[in-house]
């Protein structure tokens, strides 16, 4: 009888641990999705664009207006020219109204002084 109680307690603890981990995981993903996911950034108004020297990428910059209580922000969208125009947000900086884009090579771009190795690196002011 004691063994059955021990087994029941162990099973209950395992279930509680698994449920707790799932809930913590869901909460963590929810926070990431709501506050840090770059795919949810506002679209904004088109500013400018520059194409990489080999034509593989085009970086488009957009100005976003968060409303009366927040400053403008610049969003940089990387367009994969060889993949039917697939896009990826790689730049998001607050309190900027212009975008100065310069390509330093086929895979290196400088946006307002921030150097990124595309397509792997991103700049997001919220993570600084």
C-alpha atoms as a PDB file:
ATOM      1  CA  UNK A   1       0.000   0.000   0.000  1.00  0.00           C
ATOM      2  CA  UNK A   2       2.894   2.372   0.778  1.00  0.00           C
ATOM      3  CA  UNK A   3       4.409   1.634  -2.641  1.00  0.00           C
ATOM      4  CA  UNK A   4       1.143   2.590  -4.361  1.00  0.00           C
ATOM      5  CA  UNK A   5       1.083   5.916  -2.498  1.00  0.00           C
ATOM      6  CA  UNK A   6       4.722   6.625  -3.454  1.00  0.00           C
ATOM      7  CA  UNK A   7       4.023   5.779  -7.091  1.00  0.00           C
ATOM      8  CA  UNK A   8       0.911   7.968  -7.078  1.00  0.00           C
ATOM      9  CA  UNK A   9       2.842  10.902  -5.567  1.00  0.00           C
ATOM     10  CA  UNK A  10       5.656  10.522  -8.103  1.00  0.00           C
ATOM     11  CA  UNK A  11       3.189  10.366 -10.960  1.00  0.00           C
ATOM     12  CA  UNK A  12       1.351  13.433  -9.664  1.00  0.00           C
ATOM     13  CA  UNK A  13       4.642  15.346  -9.319  1.00  0.00           C
ATOM     14  CA  UNK A  14       5.675  14.416 -12.870  1.00  0.00           C
ATOM     15  CA  UNK A  15       2.336  15.563 -14.254  1.00  0.00           C
ATOM     16  CA  UNK A  16       2.516  18.798 -12.248  1.00  0.00           C
ATOM     17  CA  UNK A  17       6.065  19.430 -13.485  1.00  0.00           C
ATOM     18  CA  UNK A  18       5.113  18.824 -17.127  1.00  0.00           C
ATOM     19  CA  UNK A  19       2.023  21.038 -16.895  1.00  0.00           C
ATOM     20  CA  UNK A  20       4.070  23.784 -15.196  1.00  0.00           C
ATOM     21  CA  UNK A  21       6.742  23.658 -17.908  1.00  0.00           C
ATOM     22  CA  UNK A  22       4.122  23.845 -20.660  1.00  0.00           C
ATOM     23  CA  UNK A  23       2.421  26.834 -19.006  1.00  0.00           C
ATOM     24  CA  UNK A  24       5.756  28.639 -18.492  1.00  0.00           C
ATOM     25  CA  UNK A  25       6.691  27.917 -22.123  1.00  0.00           C
ATOM     26  CA  UNK A  26       3.383  29.298 -23.388  1.00  0.00           C
ATOM     27  CA  UNK A  27       3.722  32.437 -21.273  1.00  0.00           C
ATOM     28  CA  UNK A  28       7.309  32.940 -22.481  1.00  0.00           C
ATOM     29  CA  UNK A  29       6.299  32.544 -26.114  1.00  0.00           C
ATOM     30  CA  UNK A  30       3.359  34.917 -25.583  1.00  0.00           C
ATOM     31  CA  UNK A  31       5.663  37.621 -24.210  1.00  0.00           C
ATOM     32  CA  UNK A  32       8.087  37.124 -27.126  1.00  0.00           C
ATOM     33  CA  UNK A  33       5.250  37.216 -29.652  1.00  0.00           C
ATOM     34  CA  UNK A  34       3.647  40.326 -28.177  1.00  0.00           C
ATOM     35  CA  UNK A  35       6.755  42.413 -27.506  1.00  0.00           C
ATOM     36  CA  UNK A  36       9.810  41.154 -29.421  1.00  0.00           C
ATOM     37  CA  UNK A  37       8.726  39.395 -32.625  1.00  0.00           C
ATOM     38  CA  UNK A  38      10.029  41.474 -35.546  1.00  0.00           C
ATOM     39  CA  UNK A  39       7.405  40.003 -37.866  1.00  0.00           C
ATOM     40  CA  UNK A  40       4.713  41.969 -36.039  1.00  0.00           C
ATOM     41  CA  UNK A  41       6.244  45.413 -36.621  1.00  0.00           C
ATOM     42  CA  UNK A  42       4.049  48.112 -38.146  1.00  0.00           C
ATOM     43  CA  UNK A  43       4.388  48.532 -41.914  1.00  0.00           C
ATOM     44  CA  UNK A  44       5.113  52.259 -42.084  1.00  0.00           C
ATOM     45  CA  UNK A  45       5.676  54.661 -44.957  1.00  0.00           C
ATOM     46  CA  UNK A  46       8.280  53.884 -47.605  1.00  0.00           C
ATOM     47  CA  UNK A  47      11.509  55.910 -47.230  1.00  0.00           C
ATOM     48  CA  UNK A  48      14.210  54.479 -49.470  1.00  0.00           C
ATOM     49  CA  UNK A  49      15.864  51.309 -50.713  1.00  0.00           C
ATOM     50  CA  UNK A  50      19.303  50.115 -51.784  1.00  0.00           C
ATOM     51  CA  UNK A  51      20.254  46.933 -53.652  1.00  0.00           C
ATOM     52  CA  UNK A  52      23.358  44.907 -52.783  1.00  0.00           C
ATOM     53  CA  UNK A  53      26.255  45.090 -55.278  1.00  0.00           C
ATOM     54  CA  UNK A  54      25.556  41.586 -56.638  1.00  0.00           C
ATOM     55  CA  UNK A  55      21.770  42.126 -56.731  1.00  0.00           C
ATOM     56  CA  UNK A  56      20.988  39.315 -54.280  1.00  0.00           C
ATOM     57  CA  UNK A  57      19.323  41.561 -51.654  1.00  0.00           C
ATOM     58  CA  UNK A  58      17.401  44.805 -51.542  1.00  0.00           C
ATOM     59  CA  UNK A  59      17.035  46.652 -48.247  1.00  0.00           C
ATOM     60  CA  UNK A  60      13.902  48.760 -48.016  1.00  0.00           C
ATOM     61  CA  UNK A  61      13.436  51.286 -45.203  1.00  0.00           C
ATOM     62  CA  UNK A  62      10.104  52.405 -43.799  1.00  0.00           C
ATOM     63  CA  UNK A  63       9.190  55.153 -41.323  1.00  0.00           C
ATOM     64  CA  UNK A  64       6.654  54.097 -38.695  1.00  0.00           C
ATOM     65  CA  UNK A  65       4.588  56.415 -36.549  1.00  0.00           C
ATOM     66  CA  UNK A  66       3.537  54.972 -33.210  1.00  0.00           C
ATOM     67  CA  UNK A  67       1.051  57.732 -32.480  1.00  0.00           C
ATOM     68  CA  UNK A  68       0.975  60.887 -30.404  1.00  0.00           C
ATOM     69  CA  UNK A  69       2.823  59.468 -27.398  1.00  0.00           C
ATOM     70  CA  UNK A  70       5.762  57.787 -29.167  1.00  0.00           C
ATOM     71  CA  UNK A  71       8.530  58.850 -31.530  1.00  0.00           C
ATOM     72  CA  UNK A  72       9.078  57.750 -35.090  1.00  0.00           C
ATOM     73  CA  UNK A  73      11.001  54.555 -35.793  1.00  0.00           C
ATOM     74  CA  UNK A  74      12.737  53.106 -38.845  1.00  0.00           C
ATOM     75  CA  UNK A  75      12.074  49.542 -39.989  1.00  0.00           C
ATOM     76  CA  UNK A  76      14.444  47.830 -42.405  1.00  0.00           C
ATOM     77  CA  UNK A  77      13.090  45.036 -44.562  1.00  0.00           C
ATOM     78  CA  UNK A  78      15.478  42.730 -46.413  1.00  0.00           C
ATOM     79  CA  UNK A  79      14.114  41.481 -49.736  1.00  0.00           C
ATOM     80  CA  UNK A  80      15.569  38.256 -51.142  1.00  0.00           C
ATOM     81  CA  UNK A  81      15.599  39.023 -54.878  1.00  0.00           C
ATOM     82  CA  UNK A  82      16.449  35.431 -55.863  1.00  0.00           C
ATOM     83  CA  UNK A  83      13.621  33.918 -53.787  1.00  0.00           C
ATOM     84  CA  UNK A  84      10.584  35.485 -55.441  1.00  0.00           C
ATOM     85  CA  UNK A  85      10.716  38.584 -53.241  1.00  0.00           C
ATOM     86  CA  UNK A  86      10.641  36.856 -49.845  1.00  0.00           C
ATOM     87  CA  UNK A  87      11.141  39.457 -47.080  1.00  0.00           C
ATOM     88  CA  UNK A  88      12.582  39.556 -43.576  1.00  0.00           C
ATOM     89  CA  UNK A  89      12.686  42.407 -41.038  1.00  0.00           C
ATOM     90  CA  UNK A  90      16.303  42.965 -40.028  1.00  0.00           C
ATOM     91  CA  UNK A  91      16.339  46.522 -38.625  1.00  0.00           C
ATOM     92  CA  UNK A  92      14.171  48.313 -36.068  1.00  0.00           C
ATOM     93  CA  UNK A  93      15.362  51.469 -34.347  1.00  0.00           C
ATOM     94  CA  UNK A  94      13.413  53.980 -32.304  1.00  0.00           C
ATOM     95  CA  UNK A  95      13.705  57.771 -32.493  1.00  0.00           C
ATOM     96  CA  UNK A  96      14.874  57.884 -36.092  1.00  0.00           C
ATOM     97  CA  UNK A  97      13.202  59.563 -39.042  1.00  0.00           C
ATOM     98  CA  UNK A  98      15.673  58.878 -41.856  1.00  0.00           C
ATOM     99  CA  UNK A  99      17.499  55.845 -43.187  1.00  0.00           C
ATOM    100  CA  UNK A 100      21.033  56.004 -44.530  1.00  0.00           C
ATOM    101  CA  UNK A 101      21.759  52.648 -46.203  1.00  0.00           C
ATOM    102  CA  UNK A 102      25.186  51.697 -47.547  1.00  0.00           C
ATOM    103  CA  UNK A 103      26.331  48.289 -48.772  1.00  0.00           C
ATOM    104  CA  UNK A 104      29.948  47.471 -47.837  1.00  0.00           C
ATOM    105  CA  UNK A 105      29.936  44.200 -49.752  1.00  0.00           C
ATOM    106  CA  UNK A 106      27.494  41.632 -51.061  1.00  0.00           C
ATOM    107  CA  UNK A 107      26.465  40.525 -47.540  1.00  0.00           C
ATOM    108  CA  UNK A 108      27.302  43.523 -45.327  1.00  0.00           C
ATOM    109  CA  UNK A 109      25.037  46.537 -44.981  1.00  0.00           C
ATOM    110  CA  UNK A 110      25.298  49.634 -42.770  1.00  0.00           C
ATOM    111  CA  UNK A 111      22.004  51.197 -41.720  1.00  0.00           C
ATOM    112  CA  UNK A 112      22.283  54.468 -39.812  1.00  0.00           C
ATOM    113  CA  UNK A 113      25.669  53.399 -38.437  1.00  0.00           C
ATOM    114  CA  UNK A 114      24.665  49.833 -37.516  1.00  0.00           C
ATOM    115  CA  UNK A 115      26.614  47.181 -39.449  1.00  0.00           C
ATOM    116  CA  UNK A 116      24.758  43.944 -40.210  1.00  0.00           C
ATOM    117  CA  UNK A 117      25.862  40.761 -41.916  1.00  0.00           C
ATOM    118  CA  UNK A 118      22.796  39.735 -43.910  1.00  0.00           C
ATOM    119  CA  UNK A 119      20.734  37.643 -43.828  1.00  0.00           C
ATOM    120  CA  UNK A 120      21.805  36.292 -40.413  1.00  0.00           C
ATOM    121  CA  UNK A 121      22.095  39.418 -38.245  1.00  0.00           C
ATOM    122  CA  UNK A 122      19.355  41.762 -37.051  1.00  0.00           C
ATOM    123  CA  UNK A 123      19.305  45.026 -35.130  1.00  0.00           C
ATOM    124  CA  UNK A 124      16.405  45.641 -32.758  1.00  0.00           C
ATOM    125  CA  UNK A 125      16.696  48.523 -30.269  1.00  0.00           C
ATOM    126  CA  UNK A 126      14.537  46.606 -27.787  1.00  0.00           C
ATOM    127  CA  UNK A 127      17.311  44.011 -27.367  1.00  0.00           C
ATOM    128  CA  UNK A 128      20.137  46.492 -26.757  1.00  0.00           C
END
